[in-house]
Amino acid sequence: MIIGTGVDLAGIDRTMLAVDGPRGHRFCERVFSPAEIAYCESRGRVRGHSYAARFAAKEAVMKALGVGWGKDAGWQDIEVFRLETGQPDVRLRGAAAVTAERRGITAIHLSLSHGEGIAMAFAVAEAVPAAS
């Protein structure tokens, strides 16, 4: 059963202004996990696409959880990674994991895309109904 959906867009140039700006190191440490930063930095000239897609994914997941950034989900509570197949996936911890458990969410499905100047993420929060 679908509990919530979320979609978000992130401008690649705007995201890179934050990443490469004078407070970029602080921004990255606040928003992205070390593994996310390592992945994005490994992407070379398209690293902006990866940063923007992960930023959009975090926002989309919060929307699918039915909350905004704050006490119920923080940036570091949501980590985007890739499965061996290349498919994006999400790992929840901290407040986001508590929020998901409270809402009965057992899985989050994530899709990412990026192109000319913009990245998009779509998240679906799912709960498996209890057996009767």
C-alpha atoms as a PDB file:
ATOM      1  CA  MET A   1       0.000   0.000   0.000  1.00  0.00           C
ATOM      2  CA  ILE A   2       1.344   3.437  -0.928  1.00  0.00           C
ATOM      3  CA  ILE A   3       1.658   5.712   2.103  1.00  0.00           C
ATOM      4  CA  GLY A   4       3.137   8.737   0.376  1.00  0.00           C
ATOM      5  CA  THR A   5       4.863  10.086  -2.696  1.00  0.00           C
ATOM      6  CA  GLY A   6       7.336  12.879  -3.148  1.00  0.00           C
ATOM      7  CA  VAL A   7       8.931  14.625  -6.095  1.00  0.00           C
ATOM      8  CA  ASP A   8      11.549  17.347  -6.168  1.00  0.00           C
ATOM      9  CA  LEU A   9      13.639  19.262  -8.682  1.00  0.00           C
ATOM     10  CA  ALA A  10      17.085  20.710  -8.018  1.00  0.00           C
ATOM     11  CA  GLY A  11      18.957  23.063 -10.290  1.00  0.00           C
ATOM     12  CA  ILE A  12      22.402  21.676 -11.048  1.00  0.00           C
ATOM     13  CA  ASP A  13      24.077  25.105 -11.281  1.00  0.00           C
ATOM     14  CA  ARG A  14      22.449  26.287  -8.055  1.00  0.00           C
ATOM     15  CA  THR A  15      23.489  23.114  -6.232  1.00  0.00           C
ATOM     16  CA  MET A  16      27.066  23.509  -7.449  1.00  0.00           C
ATOM     17  CA  LEU A  17      27.138  27.132  -6.269  1.00  0.00           C
ATOM     18  CA  ALA A  18      26.421  25.773  -2.787  1.00  0.00           C
ATOM     19  CA  VAL A  19      28.927  22.899  -3.115  1.00  0.00           C
ATOM     20  CA  ASP A  20      31.761  24.993  -4.567  1.00  0.00           C
ATOM     21  CA  GLY A  21      30.982  28.234  -2.741  1.00  0.00           C
ATOM     22  CA  PRO A  22      32.911  29.735   0.155  1.00  0.00           C
ATOM     23  CA  ARG A  23      30.945  27.611   2.628  1.00  0.00           C
ATOM     24  CA  GLY A  24      30.760  24.579   0.344  1.00  0.00           C
ATOM     25  CA  HIS A  25      32.586  22.261   2.715  1.00  0.00           C
ATOM     26  CA  ARG A  26      30.129  23.123   5.497  1.00  0.00           C
ATOM     27  CA  PHE A  27      27.140  22.716   3.154  1.00  0.00           C
ATOM     28  CA  CYS A  28      28.327  19.275   2.007  1.00  0.00           C
ATOM     29  CA  GLU A  29      28.993  18.058   5.544  1.00  0.00           C
ATOM     30  CA  ARG A  30      25.540  19.240   6.654  1.00  0.00           C
ATOM     31  CA  VAL A  31      23.598  17.754   3.717  1.00  0.00           C
ATOM     32  CA  PHE A  32      25.526  14.747   2.377  1.00  0.00           C
ATOM     33  CA  SER A  33      27.041  11.661   4.015  1.00  0.00           C
ATOM     34  CA  PRO A  34      30.747  10.938   3.485  1.00  0.00           C
ATOM     35  CA  ALA A  35      29.767   8.106   1.118  1.00  0.00           C
ATOM     36  CA  GLU A  36      27.525  10.431  -0.916  1.00  0.00           C
ATOM     37  CA  ILE A  37      30.299  13.028  -1.169  1.00  0.00           C
ATOM     38  CA  ALA A  38      32.820  10.374  -2.243  1.00  0.00           C
ATOM     39  CA  TYR A  39      30.427   9.072  -4.911  1.00  0.00           C
ATOM     40  CA  CYS A  40      29.634  12.541  -6.274  1.00  0.00           C
ATOM     41  CA  GLU A  41      33.298  13.567  -6.335  1.00  0.00           C
ATOM     42  CA  SER A  42      34.170  10.359  -8.215  1.00  0.00           C
ATOM     43  CA  ARG A  43      31.853  11.420 -11.034  1.00  0.00           C
ATOM     44  CA  GLY A  44      34.287  13.969 -12.482  1.00  0.00           C
ATOM     45  CA  ARG A  45      32.791  16.623 -14.712  1.00  0.00           C
ATOM     46  CA  VAL A  46      29.204  15.422 -14.089  1.00  0.00           C
ATOM     47  CA  ARG A  47      29.531  15.546 -10.308  1.00  0.00           C
ATOM     48  CA  GLY A  48      27.013  18.398 -10.251  1.00  0.00           C
ATOM     49  CA  HIS A  49      24.354  16.090 -11.660  1.00  0.00           C
ATOM     50  CA  SER A  50      24.991  13.609  -8.847  1.00  0.00           C
ATOM     51  CA  TYR A  51      24.970  16.229  -6.086  1.00  0.00           C
ATOM     52  CA  ALA A  52      21.751  17.807  -7.402  1.00  0.00           C
ATOM     53  CA  ALA A  53      20.036  14.414  -7.829  1.00  0.00           C
ATOM     54  CA  ARG A  54      20.887  13.443  -4.258  1.00  0.00           C
ATOM     55  CA  PHE A  55      19.693  16.769  -2.910  1.00  0.00           C
ATOM     56  CA  ALA A  56      16.400  16.360  -4.800  1.00  0.00           C
ATOM     57  CA  ALA A  57      16.136  12.764  -3.551  1.00  0.00           C
ATOM     58  CA  LYS A  58      16.418  13.831   0.082  1.00  0.00           C
ATOM     59  CA  GLU A  59      13.635  16.389  -0.436  1.00  0.00           C
ATOM     60  CA  ALA A  60      11.466  13.857  -2.295  1.00  0.00           C
ATOM     61  CA  VAL A  61      11.928  11.262   0.453  1.00  0.00           C
ATOM     62  CA  MET A  62      10.920  13.794   3.118  1.00  0.00           C
ATOM     63  CA  LYS A  63       7.759  14.532   1.142  1.00  0.00           C
ATOM     64  CA  ALA A  64       7.032  10.808   0.775  1.00  0.00           C
ATOM     65  CA  LEU A  65       7.457  10.465   4.552  1.00  0.00           C
ATOM     66  CA  GLY A  66       4.894  13.244   4.927  1.00  0.00           C
ATOM     67  CA  VAL A  67       7.287  15.639   6.673  1.00  0.00           C
ATOM     68  CA  GLY A  68       9.598  18.502   5.889  1.00  0.00           C
ATOM     69  CA  TRP A  69      13.169  19.082   6.980  1.00  0.00           C
ATOM     70  CA  GLY A  70      13.323  19.377  10.750  1.00  0.00           C
ATOM     71  CA  LYS A  71      12.670  17.255  13.812  1.00  0.00           C
ATOM     72  CA  ASP A  72      11.068  14.398  11.820  1.00  0.00           C
ATOM     73  CA  ALA A  73      13.805  14.067   9.170  1.00  0.00           C
ATOM     74  CA  GLY A  74      17.173  15.698   8.647  1.00  0.00           C
ATOM     75  CA  TRP A  75      19.569  15.774   5.713  1.00  0.00           C
ATOM     76  CA  GLN A  76      21.929  13.235   7.282  1.00  0.00           C
ATOM     77  CA  ASP A  77      19.001  10.930   8.152  1.00  0.00           C
ATOM     78  CA  ILE A  78      18.510  10.140   4.446  1.00  0.00           C
ATOM     79  CA  GLU A  79      21.360   8.595   2.468  1.00  0.00           C
ATOM     80  CA  VAL A  80      21.174   7.881  -1.247  1.00  0.00           C
ATOM     81  CA  PHE A  81      23.334   5.091  -2.631  1.00  0.00           C
ATOM     82  CA  ARG A  82      23.446   2.755  -5.608  1.00  0.00           C
ATOM     83  CA  LEU A  83      22.719  -0.934  -5.584  1.00  0.00           C
ATOM     84  CA  GLU A  84      25.083  -3.254  -7.460  1.00  0.00           C
ATOM     85  CA  THR A  85      22.612  -3.051 -10.358  1.00  0.00           C
ATOM     86  CA  GLY A  86      23.106   0.730 -10.517  1.00  0.00           C
ATOM     87  CA  GLN A  87      19.585   1.380  -9.253  1.00  0.00           C
ATOM     88  CA  PRO A  88      19.361   4.209  -6.707  1.00  0.00           C
ATOM     89  CA  ASP A  89      18.244   3.282  -3.211  1.00  0.00           C
ATOM     90  CA  VAL A  90      17.827   5.073   0.082  1.00  0.00           C
ATOM     91  CA  ARG A  91      18.901   4.304   3.617  1.00  0.00           C
ATOM     92  CA  LEU A  92      17.043   5.931   6.524  1.00  0.00           C
ATOM     93  CA  ARG A  93      18.450   6.457   9.986  1.00  0.00           C
ATOM     94  CA  GLY A  94      17.808   8.706  12.973  1.00  0.00           C
ATOM     95  CA  ALA A  95      14.633  10.785  12.934  1.00  0.00           C
ATOM     96  CA  ALA A  96      13.710   9.752   9.367  1.00  0.00           C
ATOM     97  CA  ALA A  97      13.822   6.057  10.337  1.00  0.00           C
ATOM     98  CA  VAL A  98      11.658   6.773  13.396  1.00  0.00           C
ATOM     99  CA  THR A  99       9.181   8.717  11.242  1.00  0.00           C
ATOM    100  CA  ALA A 100       9.005   5.879   8.700  1.00  0.00           C
ATOM    101  CA  GLU A 101       8.431   3.309  11.434  1.00  0.00           C
ATOM    102  CA  ARG A 102       5.757   5.463  13.081  1.00  0.00           C
ATOM    103  CA  ARG A 103       3.913   5.744   9.745  1.00  0.00           C
ATOM    104  CA  GLY A 104       4.266   2.011   9.000  1.00  0.00           C
ATOM    105  CA  ILE A 105       6.565   2.582   6.025  1.00  0.00           C
ATOM    106  CA  THR A 106       8.515  -0.556   5.167  1.00  0.00           C
ATOM    107  CA  ALA A 107      10.088   0.459   1.838  1.00  0.00           C
ATOM    108  CA  ILE A 108      10.961   3.552  -0.149  1.00  0.00           C
ATOM    109  CA  HIS A 109      11.306   3.330  -3.910  1.00  0.00           C
ATOM    110  CA  LEU A 110      13.444   6.002  -5.568  1.00  0.00           C
ATOM    111  CA  SER A 111      13.971   7.169  -9.123  1.00  0.00           C
ATOM    112  CA  LEU A 112      16.495   9.836 -10.155  1.00  0.00           C
ATOM    113  CA  SER A 113      16.999  11.689 -13.407  1.00  0.00           C
ATOM    114  CA  HIS A 114      19.063  14.634 -14.580  1.00  0.00           C
ATOM    115  CA  GLY A 115      19.555  16.525 -17.776  1.00  0.00           C
ATOM    116  CA  GLU A 116      19.956  20.030 -19.082  1.00  0.00           C
ATOM    117  CA  GLY A 117      20.505  22.001 -15.906  1.00  0.00           C
ATOM    118  CA  ILE A 118      18.108  20.154 -13.629  1.00  0.00           C
ATOM    119  CA  ALA A 119      17.912  16.995 -11.544  1.00  0.00           C
ATOM    120  CA  MET A 120      14.686  15.283 -10.516  1.00  0.00           C
ATOM    121  CA  ALA A 121      13.846  12.697  -7.881  1.00  0.00           C
ATOM    122  CA  PHE A 122      10.637  10.751  -7.294  1.00  0.00           C
ATOM    123  CA  ALA A 123      10.070   8.731  -4.122  1.00  0.00           C
ATOM    124  CA  VAL A 124       7.281   6.351  -3.149  1.00  0.00           C
ATOM    125  CA  ALA A 125       6.821   5.277   0.479  1.00  0.00           C
ATOM    126  CA  GLU A 126       5.214   1.867   0.823  1.00  0.00           C
ATOM    127  CA  ALA A 127       3.793  -0.150   3.700  1.00  0.00           C
ATOM    128  CA  VAL A 128       3.199  -3.853   3.515  1.00  0.00           C
ATOM    129  CA  PRO A 129      -0.226  -4.524   5.012  1.00  0.00           C
ATOM    130  CA  ALA A 130      -0.215  -6.813   8.049  1.00  0.00           C
ATOM    131  CA  ALA A 131      -1.390 -10.346   7.338  1.00  0.00           C
ATOM    132  CA  SER A 132      -4.920 -11.019   8.558  1.00  0.00           C
END
